[in-house]
Amino acid sequence: MTFGKNNYVIKTYEANGAKLTARAFLGAVYVDKPLDAEFQKMNIFVPEIYYSGGEVNGYSLRKAPVFMPTLAGGYMPAVTAEPGPSFYNPSEANALFRALERGYVAACPALRGRTRRFGKAPACIVDYKAAVRFLRRFDGDIPGDKERIITSGTSAGGALSALMGASGNSKDYAAYLDETGAADERDDIFAANCYCPITNLENADAAYEWQFSGVYGFHRMHMRLNEGGRPSFTPEDGTMTDKQALVSRDLEKLFPQYLNSLGLKDEKGASLTLDADGDGSFKRYIEGLIAVSAGAEADSNRDFVRPCWLTGGNAVNFAEYAKNVTRMKTAPAFDGLSLESPENNLFGTDELTGRHFTPYAYENSAVNGDLAGAFTVGLMNPMGYISKSACAAHWRIRHGEADRDTSIAVSAMLALKLKNHGCAVDYHLPWNIPHSGDYDLEELFAWIDGLCGGRGDD
């Protein structure tokens, strides 16, 4: 394993009317035995001013935090990127550009994903860990403070960031890391930023049907890429079939037992539970989170229009909220009975396009599908590692109030379990934000500076 400390280019990047100069180490292979050399590589960027003894935002060559985002989405392969305009909004700078402006070292690893050979679970998280280990192996040659590594991602990327934060140095991944020749170093991180994490997959179906109980109509957007490679969307509205509605009711009944098994407590130490009908203190807690989001928007936006499900006292009617937000996915939302979902593909094998990962879908499979092993499924769920591994001390989790891709309960349970474990967690449901990320980079980097001693914008 090598790192070419002299194998770099000095580049000037432009975005949103601004310019910056960085030393770019492009395509560094972070494992000794790559199983997919196209993806097991990483780009690393360093503010060029550091090499002449300069500082940015109070940071320097060895004191800068290492911002390490993943561009993973849908558990597809994650590509590397360079600083510049945002892919989704070219008028804005992307996170790598903004991180360098702030004085961070930025490392962007490509990761294997479900559509590649050798890309099924847990390949993506194994690669993320291997990239961190690579940074530590060559600590003397790669700038930045390796005790201040912060991961970040959206959707599946948010889930991987959460896994990085929860499962530091776990031996469960050792055989996979050895197989691809990862460095024999630590892979724990300092902090994790997670936008709308699509995680806790084996319980996500039940959580989704609990939130959208009795809501059988759906609204979703079909994405396609236009000639310029940018996404365009076509809407689809419909109503679930009788079979899907039955599945919804079955899955909804499973959620209270799982939720109660976690033993979660709120900030005052009160137990958060649900009864067999799905009602209880946990639902009140979720309603409270939504109310806080609405209240923050009302305070900051003079044109705030109070939705039908919110009373004058900011009490939330959860059933009306779910109906108003509208479900996006039919039941089951994640473990498709015909193995049609991206998550089924994630848990497939080289021989099988997809496998089930929940007992319910396996027992009700429409295609006599196989069931992925519990160990493999567990490797993709941060919930099982929070109290068993080197867990990051600092977390920032954002789940848009208007996000319909997974239940609010999924991120709320993650945040609560982390808090109950003693982690510092900044958790919020930003108002009217759909399934997305990087929409509040100024706030994200202010949070990082608060942890790492940065002075904010110079």
Protein backbone atom coordinates (compact mmCIF):
# COMPACT_ATOMS: atom_id res chain seq x y z
CA MET A 1 0.00 0.00 0.00
CA THR A 2 1.45 3.37 -1.01
CA PHE A 3 0.54 7.03 -1.04
CA GLY A 4 2.31 9.29 -3.50
CA LYS A 5 2.80 12.45 -1.48
CA ASN A 6 4.37 14.04 -4.53
CA ASN A 7 1.67 12.75 -6.86
CA TYR A 8 -0.57 15.80 -6.83
CA VAL A 9 -1.78 18.68 -8.94
CA ILE A 10 -2.35 22.24 -7.78
CA LYS A 11 -5.75 23.31 -9.06
CA THR A 12 -7.87 26.41 -8.88
CA TYR A 13 -11.54 25.56 -8.40
CA GLU A 14 -14.47 27.90 -9.03
CA ALA A 15 -18.05 27.85 -7.76
CA ASN A 16 -20.72 30.42 -7.02
CA GLY A 17 -18.47 33.29 -8.06
CA ALA A 18 -15.65 32.25 -5.71
CA LYS A 19 -12.24 30.70 -6.36
CA LEU A 20 -9.88 28.63 -4.23
CA THR A 21 -6.58 26.88 -4.79
CA ALA A 22 -6.03 23.37 -3.46
CA ARG A 23 -3.49 20.61 -3.70
CA ALA A 24 -5.38 17.65 -5.16
CA PHE A 25 -4.32 14.03 -4.68
CA LEU A 26 -6.55 12.27 -7.17
CA GLY A 27 -7.38 8.58 -7.40
CA ALA A 28 -5.44 7.29 -4.40
CA VAL A 29 -6.17 3.55 -4.13
CA TYR A 30 -6.93 2.93 -0.46
CA VAL A 31 -6.63 -0.88 -0.31
CA ASP A 32 -3.87 -3.34 -1.20
CA LYS A 33 -6.10 -5.85 -2.96
CA PRO A 34 -8.88 -3.90 -4.70
CA LEU A 35 -11.83 -6.03 -5.69
CA ASP A 36 -13.14 -3.18 -7.85
CA ALA A 37 -10.31 -0.78 -8.69
CA GLU A 38 -12.68 1.67 -10.38
CA PHE A 39 -14.31 2.45 -7.05
CA GLN A 40 -11.84 1.64 -4.28
CA LYS A 41 -10.00 4.94 -4.64
CA MET A 42 -10.20 8.39 -3.10
CA ASN A 43 -9.63 12.06 -3.90
CA ILE A 44 -7.97 14.20 -1.20
CA PHE A 45 -7.88 17.99 -1.25
CA VAL A 46 -5.81 20.36 0.89
CA PRO A 47 -5.88 24.18 0.91
CA GLU A 48 -2.67 25.10 -0.89
CA ILE A 49 -1.95 27.93 1.54
CA TYR A 50 -1.17 25.33 4.21
CA TYR A 51 2.01 24.30 2.40
CA SER A 52 3.48 27.78 2.86
CA GLY A 53 2.64 27.89 6.56
CA GLY A 54 -0.65 29.73 6.21
CA GLU A 55 -3.90 29.28 8.12
CA VAL A 56 -7.58 29.29 7.24
CA ASN A 57 -10.26 29.80 9.87
CA GLY A 58 -7.73 29.07 12.60
CA TYR A 59 -6.72 25.74 11.02
CA SER A 60 -3.34 24.71 9.60
CA LEU A 61 -1.68 21.80 7.81
CA ARG A 62 -1.86 19.43 10.77
CA LYS A 63 -4.72 20.92 12.74
CA ALA A 64 -7.43 21.01 10.06
CA PRO A 65 -10.36 18.63 10.56
CA VAL A 66 -10.85 16.03 7.83
CA PHE A 67 -14.25 16.30 6.18
CA MET A 68 -15.05 12.95 4.55
CA PRO A 69 -18.37 12.89 2.67
CA THR A 70 -19.73 10.04 0.61
CA LEU A 71 -21.81 10.56 -2.51
CA ALA A 72 -23.58 7.21 -2.06
CA GLY A 73 -27.28 7.20 -2.93
CA GLY A 74 -29.65 4.27 -3.19
CA TYR A 75 -26.79 2.02 -2.10
CA MET A 76 -25.43 2.45 -5.63
CA PRO A 77 -21.67 2.76 -6.20
CA ALA A 78 -20.41 6.11 -4.92
CA VAL A 79 -18.09 8.05 -7.20
CA THR A 80 -15.33 10.44 -6.24
CA ALA A 81 -15.82 14.14 -6.89
CA GLU A 82 -13.92 17.42 -6.97
CA PRO A 83 -14.75 20.84 -5.53
CA GLY A 84 -17.01 22.93 -7.72
CA PRO A 85 -20.67 23.65 -8.44
CA SER A 86 -23.31 21.48 -6.85
CA PHE A 87 -24.64 18.72 -9.10
CA TYR A 88 -28.26 19.45 -8.23
CA ASN A 89 -27.93 23.24 -8.07
CA PRO A 90 -25.09 24.53 -10.28
CA SER A 91 -25.54 28.05 -8.91
CA GLU A 92 -24.32 26.81 -5.51
CA ALA A 93 -20.96 25.38 -4.45
CA ASN A 94 -20.77 21.72 -3.48
CA ALA A 95 -19.81 20.51 -0.02
CA LEU A 96 -16.19 19.81 -0.97
CA PHE A 97 -15.71 23.39 -2.19
CA ARG A 98 -17.35 24.83 0.90
CA ALA A 99 -15.27 22.58 3.17
CA LEU A 100 -12.02 23.78 1.61
CA GLU A 101 -13.18 27.39 1.92
CA ARG A 102 -13.66 26.68 5.61
CA GLY A 103 -10.13 25.37 5.94
CA TYR A 104 -10.81 21.63 6.17
CA VAL A 105 -8.92 18.86 4.46
CA ALA A 106 -11.49 17.11 2.27
CA ALA A 107 -11.37 13.40 1.41
CA CYS A 108 -13.96 11.93 -0.95
CA PRO A 109 -13.81 8.14 -1.37
CA ALA A 110 -15.52 6.18 -4.09
CA LEU A 111 -17.29 3.12 -2.68
CA ARG A 112 -18.50 -0.14 -4.16
CA GLY A 113 -22.27 -0.46 -4.45
CA ARG A 114 -25.03 -2.94 -5.05
CA THR A 115 -24.94 -2.88 -8.88
CA ARG A 116 -21.28 -3.91 -9.09
CA ARG A 117 -19.70 -7.31 -8.79
CA PHE A 118 -18.35 -7.56 -5.22
CA GLY A 119 -20.62 -4.62 -4.37
CA LYS A 120 -23.33 -6.23 -2.25
CA ALA A 121 -23.62 -5.69 1.49
CA PRO A 122 -21.44 -4.94 3.35
CA ALA A 123 -19.04 -3.75 0.60
CA CYS A 124 -19.95 -0.05 0.82
CA ILE A 125 -19.31 0.27 4.55
CA VAL A 126 -16.17 -1.88 4.30
CA ASP A 127 -14.78 0.55 1.73
CA TYR A 128 -15.66 3.60 3.83
CA LYS A 129 -13.80 2.06 6.75
CA ALA A 130 -10.86 1.14 4.54
CA ALA A 131 -10.60 4.76 3.36
CA VAL A 132 -10.40 5.99 6.95
CA ARG A 133 -7.75 3.40 7.71
CA PHE A 134 -5.77 4.60 4.67
CA LEU A 135 -5.78 8.16 5.99
CA ARG A 136 -4.39 6.93 9.30
CA ARG A 137 -1.79 4.67 7.67
CA PHE A 138 -0.31 7.67 5.85
CA ASP A 139 -0.93 10.21 8.57
CA GLY A 140 2.56 11.64 8.16
CA ASP A 141 2.06 12.30 4.45
CA ILE A 142 -1.62 13.26 4.34
CA PRO A 143 -2.44 16.58 6.04
CA GLY A 144 -5.23 17.04 8.54
CA ASP A 145 -6.00 15.89 12.07
CA LYS A 146 -6.96 12.21 11.87
CA GLU A 147 -8.53 12.45 15.32
CA ARG A 148 -11.02 14.92 13.82
CA ILE A 149 -12.50 12.92 10.95
CA ILE A 150 -16.12 13.83 10.19
CA THR A 151 -18.18 11.70 7.80
CA SER A 152 -21.24 12.99 5.97
CA GLY A 153 -23.84 11.66 3.56
CA THR A 154 -27.43 11.76 2.38
CA SER A 155 -30.01 8.95 2.20
CA ALA A 156 -27.96 5.73 1.83
CA GLY A 157 -24.94 7.98 2.32
CA GLY A 158 -26.49 9.21 5.56
CA ALA A 159 -26.90 5.59 6.61
CA LEU A 160 -23.24 4.88 5.84
CA SER A 161 -22.17 7.95 7.80
CA ALA A 162 -24.24 6.66 10.72
CA LEU A 163 -22.62 3.23 10.40
CA MET A 164 -19.19 4.82 10.41
CA GLY A 165 -20.07 6.70 13.55
CA ALA A 166 -21.57 3.72 15.36
CA SER A 167 -19.34 0.78 14.42
CA GLY A 168 -15.81 2.08 14.88
CA ASN A 169 -13.17 -0.67 15.03
CA SER A 170 -15.76 -3.45 15.21
CA LYS A 171 -14.24 -6.86 14.58
CA ASP A 172 -17.38 -7.87 12.69
CA TYR A 173 -15.91 -6.30 9.55
CA ALA A 174 -12.39 -7.69 9.95
CA ALA A 175 -12.65 -10.53 7.43
CA TYR A 176 -14.07 -8.22 4.76
CA LEU A 177 -11.38 -5.60 5.38
CA ASP A 178 -8.66 -8.25 5.23
CA GLU A 179 -10.08 -9.65 2.00
CA THR A 180 -9.58 -6.38 0.17
CA GLY A 181 -6.30 -5.47 1.83
CA ALA A 182 -7.32 -2.58 4.08
CA ALA A 183 -4.66 -1.05 6.31
CA ASP A 184 -4.32 -2.43 9.83
CA GLU A 185 -5.39 0.81 11.46
CA ARG A 186 -8.35 2.18 13.42
CA ASP A 187 -11.53 3.15 11.56
CA ASP A 188 -13.39 5.00 14.31
CA ILE A 189 -14.31 8.63 13.60
CA PHE A 190 -14.79 11.83 15.57
CA ALA A 191 -18.22 12.91 14.33
CA ALA A 192 -20.98 11.88 11.92
CA ASN A 193 -23.31 14.09 9.93
CA CYS A 194 -26.33 12.19 8.59
CA TYR A 195 -28.96 13.59 6.25
CA CYS A 196 -32.18 11.51 6.09
CA PRO A 197 -30.45 8.16 6.70
CA ILE A 198 -32.10 5.19 4.97
CA THR A 199 -31.07 2.80 7.70
CA ASN A 200 -32.33 0.21 10.18
CA LEU A 201 -33.61 -1.56 7.09
CA GLU A 202 -34.93 -4.68 8.81
CA ASN A 203 -37.35 -2.50 10.80
CA ALA A 204 -37.94 0.28 8.28
CA ASP A 205 -41.00 -1.38 6.71
CA ALA A 206 -42.80 -1.59 10.04
CA ALA A 207 -41.82 1.98 10.94
CA TYR A 208 -43.08 3.27 7.60
CA GLU A 209 -46.48 1.60 7.96
CA TRP A 210 -46.76 2.83 11.55
CA GLN A 211 -46.29 6.41 10.36
CA PHE A 212 -48.61 6.07 7.36
CA SER A 213 -51.22 3.96 9.14
CA GLY A 214 -54.45 3.98 7.14
CA VAL A 215 -52.98 6.12 4.35
CA TYR A 216 -53.32 4.03 1.22
CA GLY A 217 -53.03 6.69 -1.45
CA PHE A 218 -49.50 7.44 -2.66
CA HIS A 219 -47.66 10.11 -4.57
CA ARG A 220 -44.19 9.61 -5.96
CA MET A 221 -41.84 10.86 -8.63
CA HIS A 222 -40.12 8.71 -11.24
CA MET A 223 -36.61 9.93 -11.99
CA ARG A 224 -34.77 9.75 -15.28
CA LEU A 225 -31.55 11.39 -16.43
CA ASN A 226 -31.77 13.86 -19.30
CA GLU A 227 -29.16 14.31 -22.02
CA GLY A 228 -27.04 16.45 -19.74
CA GLY A 229 -27.00 13.73 -17.10
CA ARG A 230 -29.24 15.69 -14.73
CA PRO A 231 -32.36 14.17 -13.20
CA SER A 232 -35.88 14.98 -14.29
CA PHE A 233 -39.01 13.73 -12.56
CA THR A 234 -42.44 12.51 -13.65
CA PRO A 235 -45.20 12.33 -11.00
CA GLU A 236 -47.34 9.26 -10.32
CA ASP A 237 -50.40 9.14 -8.09
CA GLY A 238 -52.30 6.03 -7.10
CA THR A 239 -53.86 3.88 -4.41
CA MET A 240 -52.43 0.71 -2.94
CA THR A 241 -54.07 -2.56 -3.86
CA ASP A 242 -56.10 -4.52 -1.32
CA LYS A 243 -53.15 -6.87 -0.92
CA GLN A 244 -50.78 -3.98 -0.26
CA ALA A 245 -53.21 -2.49 2.26
CA LEU A 246 -53.31 -5.84 4.09
CA VAL A 247 -49.52 -5.94 4.13
CA SER A 248 -49.50 -2.41 5.51
CA ARG A 249 -51.74 -3.40 8.42
CA ASP A 250 -49.63 -6.49 9.11
CA LEU A 251 -46.40 -4.54 9.22
CA GLU A 252 -47.84 -1.73 11.31
CA LYS A 253 -48.58 -4.24 14.06
CA LEU A 254 -44.93 -5.28 14.23
CA PHE A 255 -43.55 -1.85 15.04
CA PRO A 256 -44.56 -1.42 18.72
CA GLN A 257 -42.78 -4.60 19.78
CA TYR A 258 -39.55 -3.50 18.13
CA LEU A 259 -39.77 0.05 19.44
CA ASN A 260 -40.44 -1.13 22.98
CA SER A 261 -37.49 -3.56 22.82
CA LEU A 262 -35.09 -0.61 22.50
CA GLY A 263 -35.87 0.78 25.97
CA LEU A 264 -35.60 4.36 24.73
CA LYS A 265 -35.94 7.34 27.05
CA ASP A 266 -36.50 11.02 26.37
CA GLU A 267 -34.32 13.89 27.60
CA LYS A 268 -36.03 13.79 31.00
CA GLY A 269 -35.52 10.06 31.45
CA ALA A 270 -39.14 9.08 30.73
CA SER A 271 -39.69 5.83 28.84
CA LEU A 272 -40.87 6.10 25.25
CA THR A 273 -43.20 3.25 24.34
CA LEU A 274 -46.15 2.27 22.18
CA ASP A 275 -49.16 0.14 22.94
CA ALA A 276 -50.36 -2.63 20.65
CA ASP A 277 -52.37 -0.10 18.64
CA GLY A 278 -49.28 2.01 17.97
CA ASP A 279 -50.20 4.82 20.35
CA GLY A 280 -48.21 6.04 23.31
CA SER A 281 -45.41 8.26 24.54
CA PHE A 282 -43.19 7.59 21.53
CA LYS A 283 -45.87 8.93 19.21
CA ARG A 284 -46.21 11.99 21.44
CA TYR A 285 -42.44 12.43 21.18
CA ILE A 286 -42.55 12.36 17.37
CA GLU A 287 -45.43 14.81 17.39
CA GLY A 288 -43.33 17.07 19.57
CA LEU A 289 -40.45 16.98 17.10
CA ILE A 290 -42.77 18.00 14.29
CA ALA A 291 -44.25 20.77 16.43
CA VAL A 292 -40.76 22.13 17.16
CA SER A 293 -40.06 22.21 13.43
CA ALA A 294 -43.29 24.08 12.77
CA GLY A 295 -42.66 26.50 15.62
CA ALA A 296 -39.16 27.32 14.36
CA GLU A 297 -40.54 28.04 10.91
CA ALA A 298 -43.35 30.18 12.26
CA ASP A 299 -40.85 32.24 14.28
CA SER A 300 -38.56 32.86 11.31
CA ASN A 301 -41.07 33.18 8.46
CA ARG A 302 -43.70 35.89 8.60
CA ASP A 303 -45.50 34.21 5.68
CA PHE A 304 -45.82 30.89 7.51
CA VAL A 305 -49.10 29.15 6.66
CA ARG A 306 -50.31 26.86 9.41
CA PRO A 307 -51.14 23.41 7.99
CA CYS A 308 -54.47 21.73 8.68
CA TRP A 309 -52.90 19.18 11.04
CA LEU A 310 -51.39 21.78 13.37
CA THR A 311 -53.51 23.57 15.98
CA GLY A 312 -53.00 27.12 17.17
CA GLY A 313 -51.12 25.74 20.17
CA ASN A 314 -48.79 23.77 17.90
CA ALA A 315 -50.36 20.42 18.78
CA VAL A 316 -49.88 17.88 15.97
CA ASN A 317 -52.59 15.53 14.73
CA PHE A 318 -50.28 12.72 13.65
CA ALA A 319 -52.82 10.89 11.49
CA GLU A 320 -53.69 14.08 9.63
CA TYR A 321 -50.01 14.94 9.31
CA ALA A 322 -49.30 11.57 7.64
CA LYS A 323 -52.27 11.98 5.33
CA ASN A 324 -51.17 15.49 4.38
CA VAL A 325 -47.53 14.58 3.81
CA THR A 326 -48.68 11.56 1.76
CA ARG A 327 -46.94 8.23 1.55
CA MET A 328 -44.48 7.74 -1.30
CA LYS A 329 -43.94 3.98 -1.15
CA THR A 330 -46.37 1.10 -1.30
CA ALA A 331 -46.17 -1.69 1.26
CA PRO A 332 -43.66 -3.09 1.89
CA ALA A 333 -41.60 0.05 1.40
CA PHE A 334 -38.17 -1.60 1.52
CA ASP A 335 -38.22 -5.41 1.45
CA GLY A 336 -40.26 -5.95 -1.70
CA LEU A 337 -42.25 -9.15 -1.84
CA SER A 338 -41.06 -9.63 -5.43
CA LEU A 339 -37.48 -8.62 -4.59
CA GLU A 340 -37.98 -5.42 -6.57
CA SER A 341 -36.48 -2.85 -4.22
CA PRO A 342 -32.96 -1.39 -4.18
CA GLU A 343 -32.52 -2.78 -0.69
CA ASN A 344 -33.32 -6.30 -1.90
CA ASN A 345 -30.54 -5.82 -4.46
CA LEU A 346 -28.19 -4.59 -1.72
CA PHE A 347 -28.55 -7.90 0.12
CA GLY A 348 -28.20 -10.02 -3.01
CA THR A 349 -25.19 -12.09 -3.99
CA ASP A 350 -23.15 -12.59 -7.15
CA GLU A 351 -25.62 -15.35 -8.04
CA LEU A 352 -28.84 -13.76 -6.73
CA THR A 353 -30.00 -10.33 -7.87
CA GLY A 354 -31.74 -9.80 -4.55
CA ARG A 355 -32.68 -11.40 -1.25
CA HIS A 356 -35.20 -10.66 1.45
CA PHE A 357 -33.89 -9.21 4.70
CA THR A 358 -36.98 -9.35 6.93
CA PRO A 359 -38.81 -12.45 8.16
CA TYR A 360 -42.16 -10.98 7.09
CA ALA A 361 -41.18 -10.50 3.45
CA TYR A 362 -39.44 -13.86 3.36
CA GLU A 363 -42.51 -15.65 4.72
CA ASN A 364 -44.77 -13.80 2.29
CA SER A 365 -42.45 -13.76 -0.70
CA ALA A 366 -44.20 -13.67 -4.07
CA VAL A 367 -41.16 -15.18 -5.77
CA ASN A 368 -39.95 -17.74 -3.22
CA GLY A 369 -36.99 -15.50 -2.49
CA ASP A 370 -34.05 -16.34 -0.25
CA LEU A 371 -33.41 -14.64 3.10
CA ALA A 372 -30.12 -12.85 3.77
CA GLY A 373 -28.36 -13.95 6.93
CA ALA A 374 -29.00 -11.96 10.10
CA PHE A 375 -25.28 -11.25 10.50
CA THR A 376 -25.01 -9.68 7.05
CA VAL A 377 -28.15 -7.60 7.60
CA GLY A 378 -26.84 -6.48 10.97
CA LEU A 379 -23.60 -5.25 9.38
CA MET A 380 -25.65 -2.52 7.70
CA ASN A 381 -27.52 -1.32 10.80
CA PRO A 382 -25.87 1.17 13.18
CA MET A 383 -28.44 0.45 15.91
CA GLY A 384 -26.70 -2.78 16.86
CA TYR A 385 -23.27 -1.20 17.29
CA ILE A 386 -23.88 1.93 19.34
CA SER A 387 -23.09 0.31 22.68
CA LYS A 388 -20.68 -2.34 21.37
CA SER A 389 -18.07 -0.41 19.36
CA ALA A 390 -16.04 2.79 19.38
CA CYS A 391 -18.99 5.12 18.84
CA ALA A 392 -18.41 8.69 17.65
CA ALA A 393 -19.03 11.20 20.41
CA HIS A 394 -20.64 13.83 18.18
CA TRP A 395 -23.62 13.50 15.85
CA ARG A 396 -25.69 15.76 13.64
CA ILE A 397 -28.83 14.18 12.17
CA ARG A 398 -31.30 15.93 9.87
CA HIS A 399 -34.57 14.42 8.64
CA GLY A 400 -36.73 16.78 6.60
CA GLU A 401 -40.21 17.35 8.02
CA ALA A 402 -41.61 16.63 4.53
CA ASP A 403 -39.42 13.56 3.90
CA ARG A 404 -41.49 10.54 2.82
CA ASP A 405 -38.73 8.14 1.82
CA THR A 406 -38.56 6.61 5.28
CA SER A 407 -40.38 7.12 8.56
CA ILE A 408 -39.34 9.88 10.94
CA ALA A 409 -39.23 7.12 13.52
CA VAL A 410 -36.10 5.65 11.93
CA SER A 411 -33.91 8.71 12.48
CA ALA A 412 -35.62 9.50 15.81
CA MET A 413 -34.82 6.04 17.19
CA LEU A 414 -31.20 6.42 16.06
CA ALA A 415 -30.92 9.84 17.71
CA LEU A 416 -32.54 8.65 20.92
CA LYS A 417 -30.38 5.55 21.24
CA LEU A 418 -27.27 7.66 20.71
CA LYS A 419 -28.41 10.17 23.35
CA ASN A 420 -29.23 7.37 25.76
CA HIS A 421 -25.69 6.05 25.20
CA GLY A 422 -24.25 9.44 26.18
CA CYS A 423 -23.44 10.84 22.74
CA ALA A 424 -23.94 14.51 21.90
CA VAL A 425 -26.66 14.59 19.24
CA ASP A 426 -27.93 17.60 17.29
CA TYR A 427 -31.21 16.30 15.81
CA HIS A 428 -33.82 18.31 13.97
CA LEU A 429 -36.61 17.99 11.39
CA PRO A 430 -36.11 21.00 9.06
CA TRP A 431 -39.45 22.42 7.98
CA ASN A 432 -40.84 21.49 4.55
CA ILE A 433 -37.58 19.79 3.50
CA PRO A 434 -38.02 16.63 1.40
CA HIS A 435 -35.58 13.75 1.08
CA SER A 436 -32.34 15.62 0.44
CA GLY A 437 -29.06 16.81 1.91
CA ASP A 438 -26.42 19.54 1.89
CA TYR A 439 -29.14 22.21 2.09
CA ASP A 440 -27.68 23.80 5.23
CA LEU A 441 -23.92 23.65 4.71
CA GLU A 442 -23.31 26.88 6.60
CA GLU A 443 -24.97 25.38 9.68
CA LEU A 444 -23.16 22.07 9.19
CA PHE A 445 -19.74 23.69 9.05
CA ALA A 446 -20.55 25.99 11.97
CA TRP A 447 -21.30 22.80 13.95
CA ILE A 448 -17.96 21.28 12.89
CA ASP A 449 -16.10 24.48 13.80
CA GLY A 450 -17.78 24.44 17.19
CA LEU A 451 -16.38 20.96 17.77
CA CYS A 452 -12.94 21.53 16.30
CA GLY A 453 -12.12 25.08 17.38
CA GLY A 454 -12.55 26.91 14.10
CA ARG A 455 -13.23 30.61 14.15
CA GLY A 456 -16.02 30.53 11.56
CA ASP A 457 -15.78 32.65 8.42
CA ASP A 458 -12.71 34.88 8.39
